[in-house]
Amino acid sequence: MAPSDLKPITVYWRPQVPNPTKVVIILEELGVPYKGEFIEHADLKQPAFESVNPNGRVPAIHDPNTNITLWESGAIVTYLIDQYDTEKKLTYDTFPEKYHLVQWQHFQASGHGPYLGQAAWFLMFHPEQIDSAKERYIKETQRVVKVLDKWLEGKDSLVGDKLTYADLSFVAWNAAIGYFMSGRPKDEWEPETQFPNFFRWQNSMLARPSVQKASTLAKVEDVHL
């Protein structure tokens, strides 16, 4: 089905939050029409939204073209790629690349995003100042970025010879690091010198129109492709 024949996918969203942004980036890359339903923070744990996502978190989607409702950003990205990336623009169906993509996607969801999220919480939002927690999650942020930096030596992407959904799953979370590490000593976070491969890769993704649009939207309900 051509994009012009598709009904817009509803994205349940909050702006400038990494996981919802991840989904919008993929929709933008694939040219799939979407519309947004902004969820106020106070409404996340209310029955109306929990009927969509029992975990009470964004993002979630409803695709009227297939009548499926999904939550968890990784699951949503997998679905969008399987359903709409018919030209394999952001994926591979060859062996072993197909499984290496899944490997990196799982690393982002289980070993990258959660550590960065905890770092942001303890550095910026936790009501008590707990130095040991700050130290732990700063070090874990550095560690997971180092994993990426080492792997990207001599490479422009995580898998194969093009940017894929696996790469793009990292970009919004990576961008959050500068936010929660702002004002920290340079020996804790100066990616241009500490992690040059990571820095180059991240900047290449930040330059993509899909990432720029998804990162600057005030509210996704204002956008219709």
N, C-alpha and C. Protein backbone atom coordinates (compact mmCIF):
# COMPACT_ATOMS: atom_id res chain seq x y z
N MET A 1 0.84 -1.19 0.00
CA MET A 1 0.00 0.00 0.00
C MET A 1 0.88 1.24 0.00
N ALA A 2 0.60 2.16 -0.91
CA ALA A 2 1.38 3.39 -0.99
C ALA A 2 1.10 4.26 0.22
N PRO A 3 2.11 5.06 0.67
CA PRO A 3 1.88 5.94 1.82
C PRO A 3 0.65 6.82 1.68
N SER A 4 0.34 7.24 0.44
CA SER A 4 -0.82 8.11 0.24
C SER A 4 -2.13 7.39 0.50
N ASP A 5 -2.12 6.06 0.49
CA ASP A 5 -3.33 5.27 0.73
C ASP A 5 -3.49 4.88 2.19
N LEU A 6 -2.50 5.19 3.01
CA LEU A 6 -2.53 4.77 4.41
C LEU A 6 -3.29 5.76 5.27
N LYS A 7 -4.00 5.23 6.25
CA LYS A 7 -4.59 6.07 7.29
C LYS A 7 -3.49 6.41 8.29
N PRO A 8 -3.52 7.60 8.89
CA PRO A 8 -2.46 7.98 9.84
C PRO A 8 -2.45 7.08 11.07
N ILE A 9 -1.26 6.70 11.47
CA ILE A 9 -1.06 5.96 12.71
C ILE A 9 -1.14 6.94 13.88
N THR A 10 -1.89 6.60 14.90
CA THR A 10 -1.94 7.43 16.10
C THR A 10 -0.75 7.11 16.99
N VAL A 11 -0.02 8.15 17.37
CA VAL A 11 1.11 8.01 18.27
C VAL A 11 0.74 8.67 19.60
N TYR A 12 0.73 7.89 20.67
CA TYR A 12 0.53 8.43 22.01
C TYR A 12 1.89 8.88 22.52
N TRP A 13 1.98 10.13 22.92
CA TRP A 13 3.29 10.78 22.92
C TRP A 13 3.39 11.85 23.98
N ARG A 14 4.61 12.13 24.40
CA ARG A 14 4.97 13.35 25.09
C ARG A 14 6.20 13.91 24.38
N PRO A 15 6.30 15.25 24.24
CA PRO A 15 7.37 15.81 23.40
C PRO A 15 8.74 15.72 24.05
N GLN A 16 9.74 15.60 23.20
CA GLN A 16 11.14 15.64 23.60
C GLN A 16 11.46 14.65 24.71
N VAL A 17 10.86 13.47 24.59
CA VAL A 17 11.17 12.33 25.46
C VAL A 17 11.78 11.26 24.55
N PRO A 18 12.89 10.64 24.93
CA PRO A 18 13.62 9.80 23.96
C PRO A 18 12.83 8.66 23.33
N ASN A 19 12.06 7.90 24.10
CA ASN A 19 11.41 6.74 23.50
C ASN A 19 10.30 7.12 22.51
N PRO A 20 9.42 8.08 22.82
CA PRO A 20 8.49 8.51 21.79
C PRO A 20 9.18 9.12 20.57
N THR A 21 10.24 9.88 20.81
CA THR A 21 10.98 10.47 19.69
C THR A 21 11.54 9.38 18.78
N LYS A 22 11.99 8.29 19.36
CA LYS A 22 12.51 7.16 18.59
C LYS A 22 11.48 6.68 17.58
N VAL A 23 10.24 6.56 17.99
CA VAL A 23 9.17 6.08 17.11
C VAL A 23 8.88 7.09 16.01
N VAL A 24 8.82 8.37 16.36
CA VAL A 24 8.54 9.40 15.36
C VAL A 24 9.64 9.45 14.30
N ILE A 25 10.89 9.27 14.71
CA ILE A 25 11.99 9.25 13.75
C ILE A 25 11.78 8.16 12.71
N ILE A 26 11.40 6.98 13.13
CA ILE A 26 11.19 5.88 12.18
C ILE A 26 10.01 6.19 11.26
N LEU A 27 8.93 6.72 11.80
CA LEU A 27 7.80 7.10 10.95
C LEU A 27 8.22 8.14 9.92
N GLU A 28 9.00 9.11 10.33
CA GLU A 28 9.49 10.13 9.40
C GLU A 28 10.38 9.51 8.33
N GLU A 29 11.28 8.65 8.74
CA GLU A 29 12.19 8.02 7.78
C GLU A 29 11.43 7.22 6.73
N LEU A 30 10.38 6.55 7.15
CA LEU A 30 9.64 5.68 6.23
C LEU A 30 8.54 6.41 5.48
N GLY A 31 8.27 7.66 5.84
CA GLY A 31 7.22 8.40 5.17
C GLY A 31 5.83 7.88 5.46
N VAL A 32 5.65 7.28 6.63
CA VAL A 32 4.34 6.75 7.02
C VAL A 32 3.55 7.86 7.71
N PRO A 33 2.32 8.11 7.30
CA PRO A 33 1.55 9.19 7.93
C PRO A 33 1.22 8.86 9.38
N TYR A 34 1.23 9.88 10.20
CA TYR A 34 0.91 9.69 11.61
C TYR A 34 0.27 10.95 12.16
N LYS A 35 -0.41 10.76 13.24
CA LYS A 35 -0.96 11.89 13.99
C LYS A 35 -0.74 11.58 15.46
N GLY A 36 -0.74 12.62 16.27
CA GLY A 36 -0.39 12.43 17.67
C GLY A 36 -1.54 12.64 18.61
N GLU A 37 -1.46 11.93 19.71
CA GLU A 37 -2.34 12.18 20.84
C GLU A 37 -1.45 12.45 22.04
N PHE A 38 -1.38 13.71 22.42
CA PHE A 38 -0.53 14.12 23.53
C PHE A 38 -1.13 13.64 24.84
N ILE A 39 -0.30 12.98 25.66
CA ILE A 39 -0.74 12.46 26.94
C ILE A 39 -0.10 13.28 28.05
N GLU A 40 -0.92 13.95 28.82
CA GLU A 40 -0.41 14.69 29.96
C GLU A 40 0.20 13.71 30.97
N HIS A 41 1.21 14.20 31.69
CA HIS A 41 1.89 13.33 32.65
C HIS A 41 0.90 12.76 33.68
N ALA A 42 -0.03 13.58 34.11
CA ALA A 42 -1.00 13.13 35.12
C ALA A 42 -1.94 12.07 34.59
N ASP A 43 -2.05 11.94 33.27
CA ASP A 43 -2.98 10.99 32.67
C ASP A 43 -2.34 9.65 32.34
N LEU A 44 -1.03 9.53 32.51
CA LEU A 44 -0.35 8.30 32.12
C LEU A 44 -0.87 7.08 32.88
N LYS A 45 -1.19 7.27 34.15
CA LYS A 45 -1.62 6.15 35.00
C LYS A 45 -3.13 6.13 35.22
N GLN A 46 -3.86 6.80 34.35
CA GLN A 46 -5.31 6.80 34.44
C GLN A 46 -5.90 5.69 33.55
N PRO A 47 -7.09 5.22 33.90
CA PRO A 47 -7.67 4.08 33.15
C PRO A 47 -7.76 4.29 31.65
N ALA A 48 -8.06 5.52 31.21
CA ALA A 48 -8.22 5.74 29.77
C ALA A 48 -6.95 5.38 29.01
N PHE A 49 -5.80 5.84 29.52
CA PHE A 49 -4.56 5.50 28.81
C PHE A 49 -4.08 4.10 29.15
N GLU A 50 -4.31 3.64 30.36
CA GLU A 50 -3.90 2.27 30.70
C GLU A 50 -4.66 1.23 29.87
N SER A 51 -5.78 1.60 29.30
CA SER A 51 -6.46 0.68 28.38
C SER A 51 -5.69 0.53 27.07
N VAL A 52 -4.86 1.52 26.78
CA VAL A 52 -3.97 1.45 25.61
C VAL A 52 -2.66 0.79 25.99
N ASN A 53 -2.05 1.26 27.07
CA ASN A 53 -0.79 0.71 27.57
C ASN A 53 -0.93 0.45 29.06
N PRO A 54 -1.07 -0.80 29.46
CA PRO A 54 -1.25 -1.10 30.89
C PRO A 54 -0.05 -0.70 31.75
N ASN A 55 1.09 -0.44 31.12
CA ASN A 55 2.27 0.02 31.85
C ASN A 55 2.25 1.53 32.09
N GLY A 56 1.32 2.23 31.48
CA GLY A 56 1.18 3.66 31.73
C GLY A 56 2.38 4.49 31.32
N ARG A 57 2.95 4.18 30.18
CA ARG A 57 4.10 4.91 29.67
C ARG A 57 3.89 5.22 28.19
N VAL A 58 4.52 6.29 27.71
CA VAL A 58 4.56 6.54 26.28
C VAL A 58 5.95 6.12 25.77
N PRO A 59 5.99 5.69 24.49
CA PRO A 59 4.96 5.76 23.47
C PRO A 59 4.08 4.52 23.42
N ALA A 60 2.97 4.69 22.72
CA ALA A 60 2.15 3.60 22.25
C ALA A 60 1.62 4.03 20.89
N ILE A 61 1.16 3.09 20.10
CA ILE A 61 0.57 3.43 18.81
C ILE A 61 -0.71 2.63 18.60
N HIS A 62 -1.56 3.19 17.76
CA HIS A 62 -2.65 2.41 17.17
C HIS A 62 -2.59 2.61 15.66
N ASP A 63 -2.49 1.50 14.94
CA ASP A 63 -2.42 1.54 13.48
C ASP A 63 -3.77 1.11 12.91
N PRO A 64 -4.55 2.05 12.38
CA PRO A 64 -5.86 1.69 11.84
C PRO A 64 -5.78 0.87 10.56
N ASN A 65 -4.61 0.85 9.94
CA ASN A 65 -4.45 0.08 8.71
C ASN A 65 -4.43 -1.42 8.98
N THR A 66 -4.01 -1.80 10.17
CA THR A 66 -3.96 -3.21 10.55
C THR A 66 -4.74 -3.50 11.82
N ASN A 67 -5.25 -2.44 12.45
CA ASN A 67 -6.02 -2.54 13.69
C ASN A 67 -5.21 -3.16 14.83
N ILE A 68 -3.95 -2.74 14.93
CA ILE A 68 -3.11 -3.21 16.02
C ILE A 68 -2.77 -2.04 16.93
N THR A 69 -2.76 -2.30 18.22
CA THR A 69 -2.28 -1.37 19.23
C THR A 69 -1.03 -1.97 19.86
N LEU A 70 0.02 -1.16 19.97
CA LEU A 70 1.30 -1.64 20.50
C LEU A 70 1.87 -0.62 21.46
N TRP A 71 2.59 -1.10 22.46
CA TRP A 71 3.39 -0.25 23.33
C TRP A 71 4.75 -0.88 23.48
N GLU A 72 5.68 -0.15 24.11
CA GLU A 72 7.12 -0.44 24.15
C GLU A 72 7.75 0.00 22.83
N SER A 73 8.66 0.96 22.93
CA SER A 73 9.21 1.58 21.73
C SER A 73 9.94 0.58 20.84
N GLY A 74 10.66 -0.37 21.43
CA GLY A 74 11.36 -1.36 20.62
C GLY A 74 10.41 -2.22 19.82
N ALA A 75 9.31 -2.64 20.45
CA ALA A 75 8.31 -3.44 19.75
C ALA A 75 7.65 -2.63 18.64
N ILE A 76 7.40 -1.36 18.91
CA ILE A 76 6.78 -0.49 17.89
C ILE A 76 7.71 -0.33 16.70
N VAL A 77 8.99 -0.08 16.96
CA VAL A 77 9.95 0.07 15.86
C VAL A 77 10.03 -1.22 15.04
N THR A 78 10.11 -2.36 15.70
CA THR A 78 10.15 -3.64 14.99
C THR A 78 8.92 -3.79 14.09
N TYR A 79 7.77 -3.47 14.63
CA TYR A 79 6.53 -3.56 13.84
C TYR A 79 6.58 -2.63 12.63
N LEU A 80 6.97 -1.39 12.84
CA LEU A 80 6.99 -0.43 11.73
C LEU A 80 7.95 -0.87 10.63
N ILE A 81 9.09 -1.41 11.03
CA ILE A 81 10.06 -1.90 10.04
C ILE A 81 9.49 -3.08 9.29
N ASP A 82 8.92 -4.05 10.01
CA ASP A 82 8.38 -5.24 9.36
C ASP A 82 7.20 -4.90 8.44
N GLN A 83 6.37 -3.97 8.87
CA GLN A 83 5.15 -3.69 8.14
C GLN A 83 5.35 -2.71 7.00
N TYR A 84 6.24 -1.72 7.18
CA TYR A 84 6.28 -0.61 6.25
C TYR A 84 7.62 -0.39 5.55
N ASP A 85 8.68 -1.00 5.99
CA ASP A 85 9.97 -0.81 5.31
C ASP A 85 10.14 -1.86 4.23
N THR A 86 9.29 -1.80 3.24
CA THR A 86 9.29 -2.81 2.19
C THR A 86 10.52 -2.72 1.29
N GLU A 87 11.13 -1.55 1.25
CA GLU A 87 12.33 -1.38 0.43
C GLU A 87 13.61 -1.63 1.21
N LYS A 88 13.49 -2.04 2.45
CA LYS A 88 14.64 -2.32 3.33
C LYS A 88 15.56 -1.10 3.44
N LYS A 89 14.94 0.05 3.55
CA LYS A 89 15.68 1.30 3.68
C LYS A 89 16.46 1.35 4.98
N LEU A 90 15.86 0.85 6.05
CA LEU A 90 16.45 0.95 7.38
C LEU A 90 16.78 -0.40 7.99
N THR A 91 16.80 -1.43 7.18
CA THR A 91 17.01 -2.77 7.73
C THR A 91 17.73 -3.65 6.73
N TYR A 92 18.05 -4.85 7.16
CA TYR A 92 18.59 -5.90 6.31
C TYR A 92 17.77 -7.16 6.55
N ASP A 93 17.59 -7.94 5.51
CA ASP A 93 16.99 -9.27 5.70
C ASP A 93 17.98 -10.38 5.39
N THR A 94 19.26 -10.00 5.32
CA THR A 94 20.32 -10.97 5.06
C THR A 94 20.92 -11.48 6.37
N PHE A 95 21.54 -12.63 6.28
CA PHE A 95 22.22 -13.23 7.43
C PHE A 95 23.72 -12.89 7.34
N PRO A 96 24.34 -12.44 8.43
CA PRO A 96 23.87 -12.33 9.80
C PRO A 96 23.35 -10.93 10.17
N GLU A 97 23.32 -10.02 9.18
CA GLU A 97 22.98 -8.62 9.50
C GLU A 97 21.63 -8.50 10.20
N LYS A 98 20.65 -9.28 9.78
CA LYS A 98 19.32 -9.21 10.37
C LYS A 98 19.38 -9.39 11.88
N TYR A 99 20.21 -10.32 12.34
CA TYR A 99 20.28 -10.62 13.77
C TYR A 99 21.21 -9.66 14.51
N HIS A 100 22.18 -9.13 13.83
CA HIS A 100 23.01 -8.10 14.44
C HIS A 100 22.20 -6.84 14.71
N LEU A 101 21.25 -6.53 13.84
CA LEU A 101 20.36 -5.40 14.10
C LEU A 101 19.56 -5.63 15.37
N VAL A 102 19.02 -6.82 15.52
CA VAL A 102 18.25 -7.15 16.72
C VAL A 102 19.14 -7.06 17.97
N GLN A 103 20.37 -7.52 17.84
CA GLN A 103 21.33 -7.46 18.95
C GLN A 103 21.52 -6.03 19.44
N TRP A 104 21.76 -5.09 18.52
CA TRP A 104 21.98 -3.70 18.91
C TRP A 104 20.71 -3.06 19.43
N GLN A 105 19.57 -3.41 18.84
CA GLN A 105 18.31 -2.87 19.34
C GLN A 105 18.07 -3.31 20.79
N HIS A 106 18.38 -4.57 21.10
CA HIS A 106 18.22 -5.05 22.47
C HIS A 106 19.21 -4.38 23.41
N PHE A 107 20.42 -4.14 22.95
CA PHE A 107 21.39 -3.43 23.79
C PHE A 107 20.90 -2.03 24.10
N GLN A 108 20.32 -1.37 23.11
CA GLN A 108 19.81 -0.02 23.37
C GLN A 108 18.69 -0.05 24.41
N ALA A 109 17.79 -1.01 24.26
CA ALA A 109 16.61 -1.05 25.14
C ALA A 109 16.94 -1.53 26.54
N SER A 110 17.94 -2.40 26.68
CA SER A 110 18.20 -3.01 27.98
C SER A 110 19.46 -2.48 28.67
N GLY A 111 20.45 -2.03 27.90
CA GLY A 111 21.73 -1.66 28.50
C GLY A 111 22.13 -0.22 28.29
N HIS A 112 21.42 0.49 27.45
CA HIS A 112 21.78 1.86 27.10
C HIS A 112 20.74 2.83 27.67
N GLY A 113 19.52 2.77 27.19
CA GLY A 113 18.48 3.66 27.66
C GLY A 113 18.24 3.61 29.16
N PRO A 114 18.16 2.43 29.78
CA PRO A 114 17.91 2.40 31.23
C PRO A 114 19.01 3.06 32.05
N TYR A 115 20.27 2.85 31.69
CA TYR A 115 21.35 3.49 32.44
C TYR A 115 21.33 5.00 32.26
N LEU A 116 21.07 5.45 31.03
CA LEU A 116 21.00 6.89 30.81
C LEU A 116 19.81 7.49 31.55
N GLY A 117 18.71 6.76 31.58
CA GLY A 117 17.54 7.24 32.30
C GLY A 117 17.79 7.37 33.79
N GLN A 118 18.50 6.41 34.37
CA GLN A 118 18.83 6.49 35.78
C GLN A 118 19.82 7.62 36.07
N ALA A 119 20.76 7.81 35.15
CA ALA A 119 21.69 8.93 35.32
C ALA A 119 20.93 10.25 35.32
N ALA A 120 20.01 10.42 34.39
CA ALA A 120 19.22 11.65 34.34
C ALA A 120 18.42 11.83 35.63
N TRP A 121 17.85 10.75 36.12
CA TRP A 121 17.02 10.85 37.33
C TRP A 121 17.85 11.31 38.53
N PHE A 122 18.97 10.64 38.77
CA PHE A 122 19.74 10.95 39.98
C PHE A 122 20.51 12.27 39.86
N LEU A 123 20.84 12.67 38.64
CA LEU A 123 21.55 13.94 38.48
C LEU A 123 20.62 15.14 38.49
N MET A 124 19.36 14.95 38.09
CA MET A 124 18.51 16.12 37.87
C MET A 124 17.20 16.12 38.65
N PHE A 125 16.66 14.95 38.99
CA PHE A 125 15.28 14.92 39.47
C PHE A 125 15.10 14.29 40.85
N HIS A 126 16.00 13.44 41.28
CA HIS A 126 15.81 12.78 42.56
C HIS A 126 15.83 13.81 43.68
N PRO A 127 14.87 13.75 44.61
CA PRO A 127 14.77 14.80 45.63
C PRO A 127 15.93 14.82 46.61
N GLU A 128 16.66 13.71 46.74
CA GLU A 128 17.81 13.66 47.63
C GLU A 128 19.09 13.60 46.79
N GLN A 129 20.14 14.20 47.30
CA GLN A 129 21.43 14.14 46.62
C GLN A 129 22.17 12.89 47.08
N ILE A 130 22.27 11.90 46.21
CA ILE A 130 22.91 10.64 46.55
C ILE A 130 24.15 10.49 45.67
N ASP A 131 25.29 10.83 46.21
CA ASP A 131 26.52 10.87 45.41
C ASP A 131 26.88 9.51 44.85
N SER A 132 26.66 8.45 45.62
CA SER A 132 27.03 7.12 45.14
C SER A 132 26.19 6.71 43.93
N ALA A 133 24.91 7.09 43.92
CA ALA A 133 24.06 6.79 42.77
C ALA A 133 24.48 7.61 41.56
N LYS A 134 24.78 8.88 41.78
CA LYS A 134 25.27 9.71 40.68
C LYS A 134 26.53 9.11 40.06
N GLU A 135 27.48 8.72 40.93
CA GLU A 135 28.74 8.17 40.44
C GLU A 135 28.50 6.90 39.64
N ARG A 136 27.63 6.03 40.16
CA ARG A 136 27.37 4.76 39.47
C ARG A 136 26.83 5.01 38.07
N TYR A 137 25.83 5.87 37.95
CA TYR A 137 25.17 6.01 36.66
C TYR A 137 25.94 6.90 35.70
N ILE A 138 26.76 7.79 36.20
CA ILE A 138 27.69 8.49 35.31
C ILE A 138 28.67 7.48 34.71
N LYS A 139 29.19 6.59 35.54
CA LYS A 139 30.14 5.59 35.04
C LYS A 139 29.48 4.63 34.07
N GLU A 140 28.22 4.27 34.34
CA GLU A 140 27.53 3.38 33.41
C GLU A 140 27.23 4.08 32.09
N THR A 141 26.91 5.36 32.13
CA THR A 141 26.74 6.12 30.90
C THR A 141 28.03 6.12 30.10
N GLN A 142 29.15 6.39 30.76
CA GLN A 142 30.44 6.37 30.08
C GLN A 142 30.74 4.98 29.51
N ARG A 143 30.39 3.95 30.27
CA ARG A 143 30.70 2.58 29.83
C ARG A 143 29.94 2.20 28.56
N VAL A 144 28.61 2.47 28.54
CA VAL A 144 27.84 2.06 27.37
C VAL A 144 28.21 2.89 26.15
N VAL A 145 28.56 4.15 26.37
CA VAL A 145 29.03 4.98 25.24
C VAL A 145 30.37 4.45 24.73
N LYS A 146 31.21 3.99 25.63
CA LYS A 146 32.49 3.43 25.20
C LYS A 146 32.30 2.17 24.37
N VAL A 147 31.32 1.35 24.72
CA VAL A 147 31.01 0.17 23.91
C VAL A 147 30.72 0.59 22.47
N LEU A 148 29.89 1.60 22.31
CA LEU A 148 29.55 2.09 20.98
C LEU A 148 30.76 2.69 20.28
N ASP A 149 31.52 3.48 21.03
CA ASP A 149 32.68 4.15 20.44
C ASP A 149 33.69 3.14 19.90
N LYS A 150 33.96 2.11 20.67
CA LYS A 150 34.93 1.09 20.23
C LYS A 150 34.41 0.35 19.00
N TRP A 151 33.13 0.01 19.00
CA TRP A 151 32.58 -0.74 17.89
C TRP A 151 32.60 0.09 16.61
N LEU A 152 32.42 1.39 16.73
CA LEU A 152 32.30 2.27 15.57
C LEU A 152 33.65 2.72 15.00
N GLU A 153 34.73 2.25 15.56
CA GLU A 153 36.05 2.56 15.00
C GLU A 153 36.10 2.10 13.54
N GLY A 154 36.30 3.04 12.63
CA GLY A 154 36.37 2.71 11.21
C GLY A 154 35.04 2.40 10.57
N LYS A 155 33.92 2.64 11.28
CA LYS A 155 32.59 2.33 10.74
C LYS A 155 31.73 3.59 10.80
N ASP A 156 30.77 3.66 9.87
CA ASP A 156 29.80 4.75 9.87
C ASP A 156 28.47 4.34 10.48
N SER A 157 28.28 3.05 10.71
CA SER A 157 27.02 2.56 11.24
C SER A 157 27.28 1.28 12.02
N LEU A 158 26.30 0.87 12.79
CA LEU A 158 26.47 -0.31 13.65
C LEU A 158 26.52 -1.61 12.86
N VAL A 159 25.73 -1.68 11.80
CA VAL A 159 25.62 -2.91 11.02
C VAL A 159 25.66 -2.55 9.54
N GLY A 160 26.47 -3.28 8.78
CA GLY A 160 26.49 -3.09 7.34
C GLY A 160 27.03 -1.74 6.92
N ASP A 161 26.53 -1.26 5.79
CA ASP A 161 27.09 -0.04 5.20
C ASP A 161 26.07 1.09 5.10
N LYS A 162 25.05 1.06 5.99
CA LYS A 162 24.06 2.14 5.99
C LYS A 162 23.51 2.29 7.40
N LEU A 163 22.98 3.48 7.68
CA LEU A 163 22.27 3.68 8.94
C LEU A 163 20.96 2.93 8.91
N THR A 164 20.64 2.28 10.00
CA THR A 164 19.45 1.46 10.09
C THR A 164 18.62 1.86 11.30
N TYR A 165 17.53 1.14 11.48
CA TYR A 165 16.70 1.40 12.66
C TYR A 165 17.46 1.17 13.94
N ALA A 166 18.46 0.30 13.92
CA ALA A 166 19.25 0.05 15.12
C ALA A 166 20.03 1.30 15.51
N ASP A 167 20.70 1.93 14.55
CA ASP A 167 21.40 3.19 14.83
C ASP A 167 20.44 4.24 15.35
N LEU A 168 19.34 4.41 14.65
CA LEU A 168 18.41 5.49 14.97
C LEU A 168 17.70 5.28 16.31
N SER A 169 17.72 4.06 16.81
CA SER A 169 17.15 3.81 18.14
C SER A 169 17.97 4.46 19.24
N PHE A 170 19.21 4.77 18.97
CA PHE A 170 20.10 5.37 19.97
C PHE A 170 20.07 6.89 19.98
N VAL A 171 19.72 7.53 18.88
CA VAL A 171 20.05 8.94 18.71
C VAL A 171 19.36 9.84 19.73
N ALA A 172 18.10 9.62 20.03
CA ALA A 172 17.40 10.51 20.97
C ALA A 172 17.93 10.34 22.38
N TRP A 173 18.22 9.11 22.77
CA TRP A 173 18.82 8.89 24.10
C TRP A 173 20.22 9.49 24.17
N ASN A 174 21.00 9.32 23.10
CA ASN A 174 22.34 9.93 23.09
C ASN A 174 22.25 11.44 23.28
N ALA A 175 21.28 12.05 22.62
CA ALA A 175 21.14 13.50 22.72
C ALA A 175 20.81 13.95 24.13
N ALA A 176 20.17 13.07 24.90
CA ALA A 176 19.81 13.42 26.28
C ALA A 176 21.04 13.51 27.19
N ILE A 177 22.13 12.87 26.80
CA ILE A 177 23.31 12.86 27.69
C ILE A 177 23.81 14.28 27.92
N GLY A 178 23.89 15.08 26.87
CA GLY A 178 24.35 16.44 27.03
C GLY A 178 23.47 17.26 27.94
N TYR A 179 22.20 16.89 28.02
CA TYR A 179 21.25 17.58 28.90
C TYR A 179 21.55 17.26 30.35
N PHE A 180 21.61 15.96 30.69
CA PHE A 180 21.78 15.64 32.11
C PHE A 180 23.24 15.73 32.57
N MET A 181 24.18 15.77 31.65
CA MET A 181 25.59 15.93 32.03
C MET A 181 26.05 17.39 31.93
N SER A 182 25.13 18.27 31.60
CA SER A 182 25.48 19.69 31.50
C SER A 182 26.02 20.21 32.81
N GLY A 183 27.16 20.88 32.74
CA GLY A 183 27.78 21.44 33.93
C GLY A 183 28.68 20.49 34.68
N ARG A 184 28.74 19.23 34.25
CA ARG A 184 29.64 18.27 34.90
C ARG A 184 31.07 18.52 34.44
N PRO A 185 32.05 18.06 35.21
CA PRO A 185 33.45 18.23 34.79
C PRO A 185 33.73 17.59 33.43
N LYS A 186 34.66 18.17 32.70
CA LYS A 186 34.96 17.68 31.36
C LYS A 186 35.52 16.26 31.35
N ASP A 187 36.15 15.85 32.47
CA ASP A 187 36.66 14.49 32.50
C ASP A 187 35.54 13.46 32.61
N GLU A 188 34.33 13.91 32.91
CA GLU A 188 33.18 13.01 32.95
C GLU A 188 32.47 12.95 31.60
N TRP A 189 32.43 14.07 30.87
CA TRP A 189 31.71 14.06 29.59
C TRP A 189 32.24 15.13 28.67
N GLU A 190 33.08 14.70 27.73
CA GLU A 190 33.55 15.53 26.63
C GLU A 190 33.69 14.62 25.42
N PRO A 191 32.55 14.28 24.80
CA PRO A 191 32.54 13.19 23.81
C PRO A 191 33.43 13.43 22.60
N GLU A 192 33.61 14.68 22.21
CA GLU A 192 34.41 14.93 21.02
C GLU A 192 35.83 14.40 21.16
N THR A 193 36.38 14.44 22.37
CA THR A 193 37.73 13.94 22.59
C THR A 193 37.74 12.56 23.25
N GLN A 194 36.78 12.29 24.12
CA GLN A 194 36.76 11.00 24.82
C GLN A 194 36.22 9.87 23.96
N PHE A 195 35.23 10.18 23.13
CA PHE A 195 34.54 9.15 22.35
C PHE A 195 34.34 9.66 20.92
N PRO A 196 35.43 9.84 20.17
CA PRO A 196 35.33 10.51 18.87
C PRO A 196 34.50 9.75 17.84
N ASN A 197 34.52 8.41 17.88
CA ASN A 197 33.73 7.64 16.92
C ASN A 197 32.23 7.78 17.23
N PHE A 198 31.91 7.70 18.49
CA PHE A 198 30.54 7.93 18.94
C PHE A 198 30.08 9.34 18.55
N PHE A 199 30.93 10.32 18.78
CA PHE A 199 30.60 11.72 18.49
C PHE A 199 30.30 11.91 17.01
N ARG A 200 31.14 11.33 16.16
CA ARG A 200 30.95 11.44 14.71
C ARG A 200 29.64 10.77 14.28
N TRP A 201 29.40 9.59 14.78
CA TRP A 201 28.18 8.83 14.45
C TRP A 201 26.93 9.56 14.91
N GLN A 202 26.95 10.06 16.14
CA GLN A 202 25.80 10.78 16.66
C GLN A 202 25.52 12.02 15.83
N ASN A 203 26.53 12.78 15.47
CA ASN A 203 26.33 13.98 14.67
C ASN A 203 25.79 13.66 13.29
N SER A 204 26.20 12.52 12.73
CA SER A 204 25.68 12.14 11.42
C SER A 204 24.18 11.87 11.49
N MET A 205 23.72 11.33 12.62
CA MET A 205 22.28 11.09 12.78
C MET A 205 21.53 12.37 13.11
N LEU A 206 22.12 13.22 13.91
CA LEU A 206 21.46 14.49 14.24
C LEU A 206 21.22 15.35 13.01
N ALA A 207 22.02 15.16 11.97
CA ALA A 207 21.87 15.95 10.75
C ALA A 207 20.73 15.46 9.86
N ARG A 208 20.17 14.31 10.15
CA ARG A 208 19.11 13.77 9.30
C ARG A 208 17.81 14.56 9.52
N PRO A 209 17.10 14.88 8.44
CA PRO A 209 15.84 15.63 8.59
C PRO A 209 14.84 14.96 9.53
N SER A 210 14.78 13.64 9.51
CA SER A 210 13.83 12.94 10.39
C SER A 210 14.13 13.20 11.85
N VAL A 211 15.41 13.20 12.20
CA VAL A 211 15.82 13.40 13.58
C VAL A 211 15.59 14.86 13.98
N GLN A 212 15.91 15.78 13.09
CA GLN A 212 15.71 17.19 13.39
C GLN A 212 14.23 17.51 13.60
N LYS A 213 13.38 16.94 12.77
CA LYS A 213 11.95 17.19 12.91
C LYS A 213 11.41 16.58 14.19
N ALA A 214 11.74 15.32 14.45
CA ALA A 214 11.22 14.65 15.63
C ALA A 214 11.72 15.28 16.91
N SER A 215 12.92 15.84 16.88
CA SER A 215 13.51 16.42 18.08
C SER A 215 12.98 17.81 18.39
N THR A 216 12.39 18.47 17.42
CA THR A 216 11.97 19.85 17.63
C THR A 216 10.46 20.03 17.64
N LEU A 217 9.72 18.96 17.46
CA LEU A 217 8.27 19.08 17.51
C LEU A 217 7.82 19.56 18.88
N ALA A 218 6.94 20.52 18.90
CA ALA A 218 6.35 20.94 20.17
C ALA A 218 5.36 19.89 20.65
N LYS A 219 4.48 19.48 19.75
CA LYS A 219 3.55 18.41 20.05
C LYS A 219 3.29 17.65 18.76
N VAL A 220 3.36 16.35 18.81
CA VAL A 220 3.24 15.57 17.59
C VAL A 220 1.81 15.67 17.02
N GLU A 221 0.80 16.06 17.83
CA GLU A 221 -0.53 16.18 17.26
C GLU A 221 -0.61 17.30 16.24
N ASP A 222 0.39 18.17 16.19
CA ASP A 222 0.41 19.24 15.21
C ASP A 222 0.92 18.78 13.84
N VAL A 223 1.38 17.53 13.75
CA VAL A 223 2.06 17.07 12.54
C VAL A 223 1.23 16.03 11.83
N HIS A 224 1.06 16.22 10.56
CA HIS A 224 0.41 15.23 9.70
C HIS A 224 1.23 15.15 8.43
N LEU A 225 1.75 13.99 8.12
CA LEU A 225 2.53 13.86 6.89
C LEU A 225 1.60 13.88 5.67
